[in-house]
């Protein structure tokens, strides 16, 4: 693995028994691994990290001798698209039968890191993780972060990503922790704080979005407000609009989950709108 030109294959586990139900309504039409965080698909951040490292990524609930050198040599020998290692399926208890004995024999060690680590189980956590990735861009990809002082472009506060195809009015005020996706239209006087704006969203004049995720092709009317408390762990701690939701002029939506294709013509608070 020392050869810098050696190809390394990483396996990223993305499946689960619940089929993304905890991530709804955002996972109705988009697989969870492709949901954008800080302007990039969730799985993109994993792939980018693998590009910088020579790593085999293995499922932790597998017990075997892990013949990785032999497996790599076999992969090179056969020249196929991929190589799968198969093992007997006898049941073992990972924590009691494997991890504890190995740790007791000093054959299992841990690597402690002070860097961020979170599980993205719910839409609320995706908003928190987007903020973490945006902050990381300061070190890894500063070119992805937007800038502006409100003269020729919008005022940018903190870490913000704006897709090149998005159109943001110079009088808008954006940030911190905002990700704006492709073909978004942000009108005059709009204020965006801690939010993810997905593809093809229109936000009209003087609207406000705080602690929210605005789904694809949604529309927010003039002087409307879509907001939440910002509790990432609470079910209604952020507001989520599914795909193609319309919020009409001067309507306030607070701490709500709205399923796709709904029209909100009156103010609502702490509701799940089916």
Protein backbone atom coordinates (compact mmCIF):
# COMPACT_ATOMS: atom_id res chain seq x y z
CA UNK A 1 0.00 0.00 0.00
CA UNK A 2 3.04 2.25 0.10
CA UNK A 3 3.11 2.89 -3.64
CA UNK A 4 1.61 6.35 -4.20
CA UNK A 5 0.35 5.29 -7.65
CA UNK A 6 -1.45 2.20 -6.34
CA UNK A 7 -5.20 2.20 -6.77
CA UNK A 8 -7.22 1.76 -3.62
CA UNK A 9 -10.85 0.65 -3.54
CA UNK A 10 -13.08 1.93 -0.75
CA UNK A 11 -16.48 0.47 0.07
CA UNK A 12 -18.96 2.95 1.53
CA UNK A 13 -21.95 1.35 3.25
CA UNK A 14 -25.10 3.29 2.44
CA UNK A 15 -27.94 0.80 2.94
CA UNK A 16 -30.18 0.25 5.93
CA UNK A 17 -33.32 -1.67 6.92
CA UNK A 18 -35.52 1.41 7.25
CA UNK A 19 -35.06 2.60 3.62
CA UNK A 20 -34.45 6.17 4.74
CA UNK A 21 -37.78 6.57 6.52
CA UNK A 22 -36.25 8.68 9.29
CA UNK A 23 -34.95 11.06 6.64
CA UNK A 24 -38.35 11.75 5.12
CA UNK A 25 -39.66 13.89 3.48
CA UNK A 26 -36.22 14.61 2.03
CA UNK A 27 -35.64 10.99 0.99
CA UNK A 28 -38.90 10.52 -0.93
CA UNK A 29 -37.33 11.29 -4.31
CA UNK A 30 -33.61 11.50 -3.54
CA UNK A 31 -31.54 8.71 -1.98
CA UNK A 32 -30.18 9.79 1.37
CA UNK A 33 -26.50 9.36 0.30
CA UNK A 34 -27.09 11.91 -2.47
CA UNK A 35 -28.66 14.56 -0.27
CA UNK A 36 -26.45 17.68 -0.45
CA UNK A 37 -24.51 18.83 2.59
CA UNK A 38 -22.56 22.06 2.17
CA UNK A 39 -23.43 21.98 -1.52
CA UNK A 40 -22.07 18.48 -2.20
CA UNK A 41 -23.81 15.07 -2.09
CA UNK A 42 -23.45 13.43 1.30
CA UNK A 43 -21.34 10.59 -0.14
CA UNK A 44 -19.05 13.07 -1.93
CA UNK A 45 -17.43 13.99 1.37
CA UNK A 46 -16.58 10.34 2.00
CA UNK A 47 -15.15 9.85 -1.49
CA UNK A 48 -13.06 13.01 -1.22
CA UNK A 49 -11.58 11.74 2.04
CA UNK A 50 -10.81 8.34 0.48
CA UNK A 51 -8.99 10.02 -2.39
CA UNK A 52 -6.50 11.44 0.10
CA UNK A 53 -5.89 8.19 1.96
CA UNK A 54 -4.88 4.58 1.29
CA UNK A 55 -7.70 2.89 3.16
CA UNK A 56 -9.74 -0.29 3.03
CA UNK A 57 -13.15 0.49 4.47
CA UNK A 58 -14.68 -2.61 6.03
CA UNK A 59 -17.96 -3.43 7.67
CA UNK A 60 -17.36 -3.63 11.42
CA UNK A 61 -19.79 -6.53 11.96
CA UNK A 62 -17.65 -9.03 10.01
CA UNK A 63 -15.48 -11.58 11.84
CA UNK A 64 -12.68 -13.06 9.76
CA UNK A 65 -8.93 -13.12 9.33
CA UNK A 66 -9.11 -10.08 7.04
CA UNK A 67 -6.66 -11.28 4.36
CA UNK A 68 -6.40 -7.82 2.84
CA UNK A 69 -2.97 -8.22 1.14
CA UNK A 70 -4.07 -11.48 -0.48
CA UNK A 71 -7.37 -9.94 -1.48
CA UNK A 72 -5.65 -6.97 -3.09
CA UNK A 73 -3.31 -9.25 -5.02
CA UNK A 74 -6.25 -11.34 -6.20
CA UNK A 75 -8.05 -8.21 -7.34
CA UNK A 76 -5.02 -7.16 -9.41
CA UNK A 77 -4.61 -10.69 -10.81
CA UNK A 78 -8.21 -11.07 -11.99
CA UNK A 79 -8.51 -7.50 -13.25
CA UNK A 80 -12.24 -7.35 -12.69
CA UNK A 81 -14.39 -4.41 -11.70
CA UNK A 82 -14.43 -5.54 -8.10
CA UNK A 83 -13.45 -8.34 -5.75
CA UNK A 84 -15.76 -9.76 -3.09
CA UNK A 85 -14.54 -11.77 -0.12
CA UNK A 86 -17.07 -14.36 1.04
CA UNK A 87 -17.11 -15.97 4.46
CA UNK A 88 -19.23 -18.49 6.41
CA UNK A 89 -22.37 -17.01 7.95
CA UNK A 90 -22.20 -18.55 11.46
CA UNK A 91 -23.69 -16.19 14.00
CA UNK A 92 -21.42 -14.48 16.53
CA UNK A 93 -21.94 -11.63 18.96
CA UNK A 94 -19.52 -8.95 17.85
CA UNK A 95 -19.12 -7.08 21.12
CA UNK A 96 -18.90 -10.10 23.46
CA UNK A 97 -17.30 -12.76 21.26
CA UNK A 98 -14.88 -10.65 19.26
CA UNK A 99 -14.17 -7.12 20.43
CA UNK A 100 -13.83 -7.73 24.18
CA UNK A 101 -11.44 -10.71 23.88
CA UNK A 102 -9.29 -8.88 21.33
CA UNK A 103 -9.09 -5.82 23.52
CA UNK A 104 -8.15 -7.97 26.51
CA UNK A 105 -5.27 -9.51 24.54
CA UNK A 106 -4.13 -6.07 23.37
CA UNK A 107 -4.89 -7.03 19.80
CA UNK A 108 -7.55 -4.35 19.34
CA UNK A 109 -6.88 -0.67 19.67
CA UNK A 110 -8.78 2.57 19.26
CA UNK A 111 -7.86 5.75 17.44
CA UNK A 112 -9.06 8.84 19.24
CA UNK A 113 -9.73 11.97 17.22
CA UNK A 114 -10.84 15.39 18.35
CA UNK A 115 -12.33 16.19 14.95
CA UNK A 116 -16.08 16.32 14.49
CA UNK A 117 -18.14 13.15 14.17
CA UNK A 118 -21.88 12.91 13.88
CA UNK A 119 -24.48 10.47 12.69
CA UNK A 120 -26.83 11.75 10.00
CA UNK A 121 -30.00 9.90 10.93
CA UNK A 122 -32.55 12.71 10.66
CA UNK A 123 -33.01 15.81 8.49
CA UNK A 124 -32.20 18.00 11.49
CA UNK A 125 -28.75 16.47 11.79
CA UNK A 126 -28.10 17.11 8.11
CA UNK A 127 -28.38 20.82 8.81
CA UNK A 128 -25.88 20.56 11.65
CA UNK A 129 -23.50 18.48 9.54
CA UNK A 130 -23.76 20.92 6.66
CA UNK A 131 -22.46 23.59 9.03
CA UNK A 132 -19.56 21.35 10.04
CA UNK A 133 -18.60 20.71 6.41
CA UNK A 134 -18.87 24.41 5.58
CA UNK A 135 -16.49 25.21 8.44
CA UNK A 136 -14.12 22.51 7.20
CA UNK A 137 -14.07 24.15 3.77
CA UNK A 138 -12.04 26.95 5.36
CA UNK A 139 -9.14 24.49 5.50
CA UNK A 140 -9.83 22.05 2.68
CA UNK A 141 -11.73 23.92 -0.06
CA UNK A 142 -11.85 27.68 0.62
CA UNK A 143 -12.70 28.29 -3.06
CA UNK A 144 -16.15 26.79 -2.43
CA UNK A 145 -17.08 29.44 0.12
CA UNK A 146 -18.93 32.53 -1.05
CA UNK A 147 -17.97 36.10 -0.25
CA UNK A 148 -19.70 39.44 -0.65
CA UNK A 149 -20.15 42.79 1.04
CA UNK A 150 -23.56 43.84 -0.26
CA UNK A 151 -22.33 46.16 -2.99
CA UNK A 152 -22.16 44.13 -6.20
CA UNK A 153 -23.15 40.87 -4.54
CA UNK A 154 -25.13 39.78 -1.51
CA UNK A 155 -23.80 40.29 2.01
CA UNK A 156 -22.18 37.07 3.18
CA UNK A 157 -21.79 36.33 6.88
CA UNK A 158 -19.75 33.33 8.01
CA UNK A 159 -19.52 30.11 6.04
CA UNK A 160 -21.81 30.04 3.00
CA UNK A 161 -21.92 27.95 -0.17
CA UNK A 162 -23.68 29.29 -3.28
CA UNK A 163 -23.92 27.20 -6.43
CA UNK A 164 -22.60 29.06 -9.52
CA UNK A 165 -26.00 28.81 -11.24
CA UNK A 166 -27.91 30.38 -8.34
CA UNK A 167 -29.08 33.99 -8.65
CA UNK A 168 -28.91 35.98 -5.43
CA UNK A 169 -29.98 39.63 -5.27
CA UNK A 170 -27.26 42.02 -4.02
CA UNK A 171 -29.52 43.27 -1.22
CA UNK A 172 -29.96 39.77 0.24
CA UNK A 173 -28.13 38.87 3.45
CA UNK A 174 -26.86 35.30 3.63
CA UNK A 175 -25.31 33.35 6.50
CA UNK A 176 -23.95 31.91 8.56
CA UNK A 177 -24.30 28.21 7.75
CA UNK A 178 -26.19 28.48 4.49
CA UNK A 179 -25.99 26.20 1.47
CA UNK A 180 -27.70 27.32 -1.75
CA UNK A 181 -28.06 24.72 -4.51
CA UNK A 182 -28.38 24.91 -8.28
CA UNK A 183 -30.79 27.28 -10.05
CA UNK A 184 -32.04 28.88 -6.83
CA UNK A 185 -33.46 32.40 -7.12
CA UNK A 186 -33.14 34.65 -4.07
CA UNK A 187 -34.97 37.98 -4.24
CA UNK A 188 -34.28 41.43 -2.85
CA UNK A 189 -34.06 41.84 0.91
CA UNK A 190 -34.13 38.12 1.65
CA UNK A 191 -32.48 36.94 4.89
CA UNK A 192 -31.12 33.38 5.12
CA UNK A 193 -29.67 31.93 8.33
CA UNK A 194 -28.62 28.32 9.02
CA UNK A 195 -30.50 26.66 6.19
CA UNK A 196 -30.19 24.39 3.18
CA UNK A 197 -31.88 25.61 0.01
CA UNK A 198 -32.21 22.80 -2.53
CA UNK A 199 -32.36 22.95 -6.34
CA UNK A 200 -34.78 25.23 -8.23
CA UNK A 201 -36.19 27.01 -5.17
CA UNK A 202 -37.55 30.54 -5.51
CA UNK A 203 -37.43 32.85 -2.49
CA UNK A 204 -39.22 36.11 -3.19
CA UNK A 205 -38.63 39.59 -1.83
CA UNK A 206 -38.06 40.13 1.91
CA UNK A 207 -38.67 36.50 2.86
CA UNK A 208 -36.80 35.03 5.83
CA UNK A 209 -35.53 31.46 6.25
CA UNK A 210 -33.94 30.32 9.53
CA UNK A 211 -33.01 26.83 10.75
CA UNK A 212 -34.84 25.20 7.87
CA UNK A 213 -34.43 22.97 4.82
CA UNK A 214 -36.33 24.10 1.73
CA UNK A 215 -37.09 21.25 -0.67
CA UNK A 216 -36.56 21.13 -4.40
CA UNK A 217 -38.75 23.38 -6.60
CA UNK A 218 -40.42 25.04 -3.61
CA UNK A 219 -41.51 28.66 -3.61
CA UNK A 220 -41.59 31.16 -0.74
CA UNK A 221 -43.76 34.25 -1.20
CA UNK A 222 -43.02 37.88 -0.39
CA UNK A 223 -42.54 38.69 3.30
CA UNK A 224 -43.01 35.04 4.23
CA UNK A 225 -41.05 33.42 7.07
CA UNK A 226 -39.94 29.79 7.31
CA UNK A 227 -38.24 29.30 10.65
CA UNK A 228 -37.57 27.03 13.62
CA UNK A 229 -35.84 26.90 16.99
CA UNK A 230 -32.76 25.15 15.62
CA UNK A 231 -32.86 22.08 17.89
CA UNK A 232 -31.27 19.52 15.57
CA UNK A 233 -32.23 16.55 17.76
CA UNK A 234 -35.90 17.42 18.12
CA UNK A 235 -38.43 16.08 15.61
CA UNK A 236 -39.79 19.56 14.97
CA UNK A 237 -36.61 21.40 15.92
CA UNK A 238 -36.10 22.55 12.35
CA UNK A 239 -38.63 23.29 9.63
CA UNK A 240 -38.56 21.03 6.58
CA UNK A 241 -40.40 21.71 3.34
CA UNK A 242 -40.64 18.75 0.99
CA UNK A 243 -40.42 19.00 -2.77
CA UNK A 244 -42.60 21.56 -4.60
CA UNK A 245 -44.10 23.20 -1.51
CA UNK A 246 -45.57 26.69 -1.94
CA UNK A 247 -45.63 29.15 0.96
CA UNK A 248 -47.78 32.12 0.01
CA UNK A 249 -47.12 35.80 0.73
CA UNK A 250 -46.82 36.90 4.39
CA UNK A 251 -47.30 33.36 5.71
CA UNK A 252 -45.23 32.22 8.72
CA UNK A 253 -44.23 28.56 9.02
CA UNK A 254 -42.61 27.66 12.36
CA UNK A 255 -41.24 24.30 13.52
CA UNK A 256 -43.12 22.29 10.90
CA UNK A 257 -42.60 19.36 8.57
CA UNK A 258 -44.43 19.78 5.28
CA UNK A 259 -44.74 16.90 2.85
CA UNK A 260 -44.30 17.46 -0.91
CA UNK A 261 -46.69 19.36 -3.18
CA UNK A 262 -48.51 21.29 -0.47
CA UNK A 263 -49.71 24.89 -0.60
CA UNK A 264 -49.43 26.77 2.71
CA UNK A 265 -51.79 29.77 2.63
CA UNK A 266 -52.04 30.39 6.37
CA UNK A 267 -49.53 30.58 9.19
CA UNK A 268 -48.79 27.26 10.96
CA UNK A 269 -46.74 26.27 13.97
CA UNK A 270 -45.48 22.90 15.27
CA UNK A 271 -47.42 20.80 12.79
CA UNK A 272 -46.72 17.90 10.45
CA UNK A 273 -48.66 18.73 7.30
CA UNK A 274 -49.54 15.61 5.33
